[in-house]
Amino acid sequence: MSNSSTLCVDASLVVRLLTRPKDRVVQDLWQQWDETSKQFIAPELLFYEVTNAIFLPYRLGQLSAETVHSILTAALALPIELYSDKAIHRRAVELAVQYRLKATYDAHYLALAEQHQADFWTADRKLARAVETTLPWVHWVS
């Protein structure tokens, strides 16, 4: 982990944090960040993605509506500052093209982290692998 005081986190990490309370890797990492006063940032689409990710298990009968609401409430309470500006969208397209990503959603996190010179943390192995050789500030939580 670098000494960056600002961390960009994506929906895959937030969902894993809130839906797997026994996942010591993510729980310990988040606690360490909290204890060292890290500032969390994400593009504004974060909670759209989180909401969608926790709604799918509801549709499949794996989570109750009450649990979905509880997880969403916990997500919205996380100290994550959200960003949206036109430059992020433009850079996201460039990054998605450069790394041959299937969509621009993930590239928005990359663009924001790049813009803020922040480390980016994800639980999305595919994304991390796509950029690992050229973006050393991208970290995959295994």
Protein backbone atom coordinates (compact mmCIF):
# COMPACT_ATOMS: atom_id res chain seq x y z
CA MET A 1 0.00 0.00 0.00
CA SER A 2 1.30 3.47 -0.79
CA ASN A 3 1.27 6.50 1.44
CA SER A 4 -1.53 8.20 -0.49
CA SER A 5 -4.00 9.82 1.89
CA THR A 6 -6.76 9.59 -0.71
CA LEU A 7 -8.20 6.28 -1.88
CA CYS A 8 -10.64 5.73 -4.70
CA VAL A 9 -12.84 2.71 -4.04
CA ASP A 10 -15.23 1.01 -6.42
CA ALA A 11 -18.58 -0.68 -6.05
CA SER A 12 -17.10 -4.18 -6.02
CA LEU A 13 -15.08 -3.31 -2.92
CA VAL A 14 -17.97 -1.57 -1.15
CA VAL A 15 -20.35 -4.46 -1.86
CA ARG A 16 -17.81 -6.98 -0.61
CA LEU A 17 -17.21 -4.88 2.51
CA LEU A 18 -20.91 -4.73 3.37
CA THR A 19 -22.11 -8.17 2.28
CA ARG A 20 -19.25 -10.29 3.65
CA PRO A 21 -18.73 -9.29 7.28
CA LYS A 22 -16.51 -12.34 7.87
CA ASP A 23 -14.18 -11.43 4.98
CA ARG A 24 -11.16 -10.48 7.09
CA VAL A 25 -9.15 -9.23 4.10
CA VAL A 26 -11.57 -6.42 3.25
CA GLN A 27 -12.69 -5.77 6.83
CA ASP A 28 -9.11 -5.45 8.10
CA LEU A 29 -8.08 -3.28 5.18
CA TRP A 30 -11.02 -0.92 5.68
CA GLN A 31 -10.29 -0.73 9.42
CA GLN A 32 -6.63 0.07 8.72
CA TRP A 33 -7.66 2.83 6.31
CA ASP A 34 -10.12 4.22 8.85
CA GLU A 35 -7.50 4.23 11.61
CA THR A 36 -5.03 6.09 9.39
CA SER A 37 -7.66 8.70 8.38
CA LYS A 38 -7.74 7.91 4.68
CA GLN A 39 -10.06 10.03 2.56
CA PHE A 40 -12.35 7.96 0.33
CA ILE A 41 -13.51 9.12 -3.09
CA ALA A 42 -15.56 7.63 -5.91
CA PRO A 43 -17.38 8.78 -9.01
CA GLU A 44 -21.03 9.60 -8.51
CA LEU A 45 -22.05 6.32 -10.13
CA LEU A 46 -20.80 4.35 -7.08
CA PHE A 47 -24.16 4.05 -5.35
CA TYR A 48 -26.01 3.27 -8.58
CA GLU A 49 -23.71 0.28 -8.99
CA VAL A 50 -23.94 -0.73 -5.33
CA THR A 51 -27.73 -0.56 -5.42
CA ASN A 52 -27.86 -2.68 -8.56
CA ALA A 53 -25.37 -5.21 -7.16
CA ILE A 54 -27.40 -5.80 -4.01
CA PHE A 55 -30.73 -5.81 -5.85
CA LEU A 56 -29.76 -8.78 -8.02
CA PRO A 57 -29.55 -11.24 -5.08
CA TYR A 58 -32.97 -9.95 -3.96
CA ARG A 59 -34.42 -10.76 -7.40
CA LEU A 60 -32.91 -14.24 -7.16
CA GLY A 61 -34.47 -14.77 -3.73
CA GLN A 62 -31.10 -14.72 -1.94
CA LEU A 63 -31.69 -11.52 0.06
CA SER A 64 -34.80 -10.07 1.64
CA ALA A 65 -35.96 -6.55 0.81
CA GLU A 66 -35.15 -5.62 4.40
CA THR A 67 -31.57 -6.83 4.00
CA VAL A 68 -31.18 -4.90 0.74
CA HIS A 69 -32.38 -1.74 2.49
CA SER A 70 -30.03 -2.38 5.41
CA ILE A 71 -27.00 -2.87 3.15
CA LEU A 72 -27.88 0.22 1.12
CA THR A 73 -28.25 2.31 4.29
CA ALA A 74 -24.82 1.14 5.45
CA ALA A 75 -23.32 1.93 2.03
CA LEU A 76 -24.79 5.43 1.97
CA ALA A 77 -23.36 6.07 5.44
CA LEU A 78 -19.78 5.31 4.38
CA PRO A 79 -17.53 8.39 4.37
CA ILE A 80 -17.02 8.46 0.61
CA GLU A 81 -16.91 11.77 -1.23
CA LEU A 82 -18.57 11.52 -4.63
CA TYR A 83 -17.37 13.33 -7.76
CA SER A 84 -18.87 14.09 -11.13
CA ASP A 85 -17.42 16.32 -13.77
CA LYS A 86 -17.15 16.31 -17.53
CA ALA A 87 -13.39 15.70 -17.52
CA ILE A 88 -13.88 12.36 -15.73
CA HIS A 89 -16.32 11.19 -18.41
CA ARG A 90 -13.97 12.16 -21.21
CA ARG A 91 -10.98 10.49 -19.57
CA ALA A 92 -13.06 7.39 -18.81
CA VAL A 93 -13.71 6.90 -22.51
CA GLU A 94 -9.99 7.26 -23.27
CA LEU A 95 -9.07 4.72 -20.58
CA ALA A 96 -11.78 2.27 -21.66
CA VAL A 97 -10.45 2.41 -25.23
CA GLN A 98 -6.82 2.16 -24.13
CA TYR A 99 -7.40 -0.89 -21.92
CA ARG A 100 -10.11 -2.45 -24.09
CA LEU A 101 -12.65 -2.48 -21.27
CA LYS A 102 -16.15 -3.77 -22.06
CA ALA A 103 -17.79 -0.68 -20.55
CA THR A 104 -16.80 2.72 -19.22
CA TYR A 105 -18.14 2.25 -15.68
CA ASP A 106 -14.85 0.93 -14.33
CA ALA A 107 -12.89 3.50 -16.31
CA HIS A 108 -14.67 6.28 -14.37
CA TYR A 109 -13.01 5.04 -11.17
CA LEU A 110 -9.65 4.94 -12.92
CA ALA A 111 -10.12 8.46 -14.29
CA LEU A 112 -11.07 9.84 -10.89
CA ALA A 113 -8.17 8.15 -9.12
CA GLU A 114 -5.80 9.44 -11.78
CA GLN A 115 -7.23 12.96 -11.50
CA HIS A 116 -6.76 12.99 -7.71
CA GLN A 117 -3.46 11.10 -7.74
CA ALA A 118 -5.11 8.55 -5.48
CA ASP A 119 -4.62 4.84 -5.11
CA PHE A 120 -7.52 2.89 -6.57
CA TRP A 121 -8.78 -0.21 -4.78
CA THR A 122 -11.06 -2.79 -6.35
CA ALA A 123 -12.31 -6.30 -5.71
CA ASP A 124 -12.71 -6.75 -9.48
CA ARG A 125 -9.87 -9.02 -10.54
CA LYS A 126 -10.61 -8.62 -14.23
CA LEU A 127 -10.27 -4.86 -14.04
CA ALA A 128 -7.07 -5.00 -12.01
CA ARG A 129 -5.53 -7.47 -14.47
CA ALA A 130 -6.45 -5.29 -17.43
CA VAL A 131 -4.39 -2.37 -16.14
CA GLU A 132 -1.83 -3.90 -13.76
CA THR A 133 1.20 -3.58 -16.03
CA THR A 134 0.85 0.18 -16.57
CA LEU A 135 -1.11 1.57 -13.61
CA PRO A 136 0.79 0.71 -10.40
CA TRP A 137 -1.66 2.70 -8.29
CA VAL A 138 -4.43 0.18 -9.01
CA HIS A 139 -4.75 -2.46 -6.30
CA TRP A 140 -6.80 -5.63 -6.30
CA VAL A 141 -8.13 -6.95 -3.01
CA SER A 142 -7.79 -10.71 -3.37
